[in-house]
Amino acid sequence: MTHGEIRSLIDRSLFASLGYADENGRQSIRRVFCVWHKGLGTHLISTNTSSSHVQSLMKNGNACLYFSDDDSFEAVCLYGKAEISCDRKHKELLWNEGDEKYYPKGIDDEDYSVIVFTADSGRYYRFDGKADLTSDEISSYDSSCTLENGYSKTHR
């Protein structure tokens, strides 16, 4: 897969699987809505600050993010760090009409936060092979990218 094909896979995904270690050191996975991306390396996920995965990530930010297309049998797993942001800029960017049912106090709800996942490496596969993504490849690809909603770009 080319880097552009990996980006296309990420863009057309509506959800990703977030892997992390919980507070007891057990491996855990959460399915997350993840459509905001900067290239291959930066991904934004809105979530509840009080959720157990956020509490675990605050203590240990090591995580992975897995995007897949079951129809074409291709996927990419990105390894890196997850940080929790309560920055209004991030929260406004990810806010959608109807989110007040989850966050009744709106954008400034203390239970509303954003996971900023930053990849430092990865591994991808599809029918024609598999390979690793290095930090240098991700950085080089991302240098000309901006933060954008990949799903709305591919699903108009």
Protein backbone atom coordinates (compact mmCIF):
# COMPACT_ATOMS: atom_id res chain seq x y z
CA MET A 1 0.00 0.00 0.00
CA THR A 2 1.18 3.49 -0.73
CA HIS A 3 0.99 6.19 1.92
CA GLY A 4 -1.85 7.76 -0.06
CA GLU A 5 -3.76 4.47 -0.02
CA ILE A 6 -3.27 4.20 3.75
CA ARG A 7 -4.57 7.75 4.14
CA SER A 8 -7.60 6.86 1.99
CA LEU A 9 -8.30 3.87 4.25
CA ILE A 10 -8.12 6.11 7.32
CA ASP A 11 -10.30 8.79 5.71
CA ARG A 12 -13.10 6.42 4.75
CA SER A 13 -13.20 4.82 8.18
CA LEU A 14 -15.86 6.11 10.53
CA PHE A 15 -14.57 4.22 13.56
CA ALA A 16 -11.22 3.00 14.83
CA SER A 17 -10.25 0.64 17.60
CA LEU A 18 -8.21 2.25 20.38
CA GLY A 19 -5.92 -0.14 22.22
CA TYR A 20 -4.39 0.73 25.60
CA ALA A 21 -3.48 -0.73 29.00
CA ASP A 22 -6.10 -0.19 31.71
CA GLU A 23 -5.31 0.81 35.28
CA ASN A 24 -4.63 -2.83 36.19
CA GLY A 25 -2.23 -3.30 33.27
CA ARG A 26 -4.74 -5.37 31.27
CA GLN A 27 -4.88 -4.82 27.54
CA SER A 28 -8.14 -3.19 26.52
CA ILE A 29 -9.83 -1.98 23.34
CA ARG A 30 -12.50 0.66 22.73
CA ARG A 31 -14.27 1.31 19.47
CA VAL A 32 -14.15 5.08 18.91
CA PHE A 33 -15.62 7.55 16.43
CA CYS A 34 -12.53 8.94 14.71
CA VAL A 35 -12.82 11.08 11.59
CA TRP A 36 -10.47 14.05 12.22
CA HIS A 37 -6.93 13.41 10.95
CA LYS A 38 -3.73 15.18 10.04
CA GLY A 39 -2.10 12.88 7.55
CA LEU A 40 -1.18 9.48 8.93
CA GLY A 41 0.12 10.57 12.31
CA THR A 42 -2.41 12.71 14.19
CA HIS A 43 -5.99 11.69 15.01
CA LEU A 44 -8.61 13.40 17.20
CA ILE A 45 -11.32 11.53 19.12
CA SER A 46 -14.06 13.16 21.21
CA THR A 47 -14.91 11.34 24.41
CA ASN A 48 -16.08 11.58 28.00
CA THR A 49 -13.39 12.74 30.40
CA SER A 50 -14.86 10.49 33.10
CA SER A 51 -14.64 7.32 30.97
CA SER A 52 -12.35 4.55 32.16
CA HIS A 53 -10.22 4.61 29.00
CA VAL A 54 -9.51 8.33 29.41
CA GLN A 55 -8.57 7.80 33.06
CA SER A 56 -6.20 5.00 32.02
CA LEU A 57 -4.68 7.04 29.18
CA MET A 58 -3.99 9.93 31.56
CA LYS A 59 -1.77 7.56 33.57
CA ASN A 60 -0.22 5.72 30.63
CA GLY A 61 -0.56 7.30 27.19
CA ASN A 62 0.91 4.37 25.25
CA ALA A 63 -1.76 3.31 22.78
CA CYS A 64 -2.50 2.03 19.32
CA LEU A 65 -5.19 3.00 16.83
CA TYR A 66 -6.47 0.44 14.31
CA PHE A 67 -8.37 1.39 11.15
CA SER A 68 -9.79 -1.29 8.87
CA ASP A 69 -11.97 -1.88 5.85
CA ASP A 70 -13.61 -5.28 6.21
CA ASP A 71 -14.89 -5.30 2.63
CA SER A 72 -11.45 -4.87 1.06
CA PHE A 73 -9.60 -6.72 3.86
CA GLU A 74 -7.07 -3.99 4.52
CA ALA A 75 -6.00 -2.29 7.72
CA VAL A 76 -3.42 -0.15 9.43
CA CYS A 77 -2.38 -0.25 13.08
CA LEU A 78 -0.68 2.89 14.33
CA TYR A 79 1.43 2.87 17.50
CA GLY A 80 2.04 5.96 19.57
CA LYS A 81 0.84 8.21 22.37
CA ALA A 82 -2.61 9.41 23.39
CA GLU A 83 -2.96 12.70 25.24
CA ILE A 84 -6.15 14.13 26.71
CA SER A 85 -6.98 17.67 25.63
CA CYS A 86 -9.59 19.98 27.09
CA ASP A 87 -8.48 22.72 24.72
CA ARG A 88 -11.51 24.62 23.44
CA LYS A 89 -10.11 24.71 19.90
CA HIS A 90 -10.08 20.90 19.72
CA LYS A 91 -13.49 20.63 21.37
CA GLU A 92 -15.09 23.15 18.98
CA LEU A 93 -13.59 21.37 15.98
CA LEU A 94 -15.13 18.03 16.95
CA TRP A 95 -18.46 19.39 18.23
CA ASN A 96 -21.52 18.26 16.27
CA GLU A 97 -25.15 19.26 16.49
CA GLY A 98 -26.78 16.87 18.95
CA ASP A 99 -23.68 16.40 21.10
CA GLU A 100 -25.45 18.21 23.92
CA LYS A 101 -27.28 14.95 24.68
CA TYR A 102 -23.87 13.57 25.77
CA TYR A 103 -22.50 16.87 27.11
CA PRO A 104 -25.47 18.86 28.50
CA LYS A 105 -23.30 21.88 29.37
CA GLY A 106 -22.14 22.18 25.74
CA ILE A 107 -18.58 22.60 24.55
CA ASP A 108 -17.45 23.70 28.01
CA ASP A 109 -18.86 20.59 29.72
CA GLU A 110 -16.15 19.30 32.07
CA ASP A 111 -16.95 15.74 30.94
CA TYR A 112 -16.13 16.57 27.31
CA SER A 113 -12.53 16.08 26.17
CA VAL A 114 -10.57 15.11 23.09
CA ILE A 115 -8.02 12.33 22.75
CA VAL A 116 -5.12 13.51 20.58
CA PHE A 117 -3.42 10.38 19.26
CA THR A 118 0.03 10.85 17.73
CA ALA A 119 1.53 7.91 15.87
CA ASP A 120 5.25 7.18 15.90
CA SER A 121 5.12 4.00 13.80
CA GLY A 122 2.68 1.53 12.30
CA ARG A 123 1.99 -1.63 10.35
CA TYR A 124 -0.40 -2.10 7.45
CA TYR A 125 -1.68 -4.98 5.43
CA ARG A 126 -3.98 -5.95 2.61
CA PHE A 127 -4.27 -8.74 0.04
CA ASP A 128 -1.01 -7.80 -1.71
CA GLY A 129 1.23 -7.65 1.34
CA LYS A 130 2.14 -6.00 4.58
CA ALA A 131 4.83 -3.63 5.79
CA ASP A 132 5.87 -1.28 8.55
CA LEU A 133 5.51 2.49 8.70
CA THR A 134 8.43 4.32 10.28
CA SER A 135 8.41 7.56 12.21
CA ASP A 136 10.30 9.23 9.35
CA GLU A 137 7.73 8.07 6.77
CA ILE A 138 4.85 9.37 8.90
CA SER A 139 6.58 12.72 9.54
CA SER A 140 7.48 13.17 5.89
CA TYR A 141 3.95 12.39 4.69
CA ASP A 142 2.34 14.58 7.35
CA SER A 143 4.55 17.62 6.70
CA SER A 144 2.24 18.85 3.94
CA CYS A 145 -1.05 17.82 5.58
CA THR A 146 -3.59 19.83 7.53
CA LEU A 147 -6.13 18.69 10.10
CA GLU A 148 -9.34 17.73 8.31
CA ASN A 149 -12.47 15.63 8.57
CA GLY A 150 -11.52 12.67 6.39
CA TYR A 151 -14.92 11.02 6.53
CA SER A 152 -16.81 14.03 5.19
CA LYS A 153 -14.13 14.28 2.48
CA THR A 154 -14.87 10.74 1.28
CA HIS A 155 -18.61 10.39 2.12
CA ARG A 156 -20.47 13.39 0.76
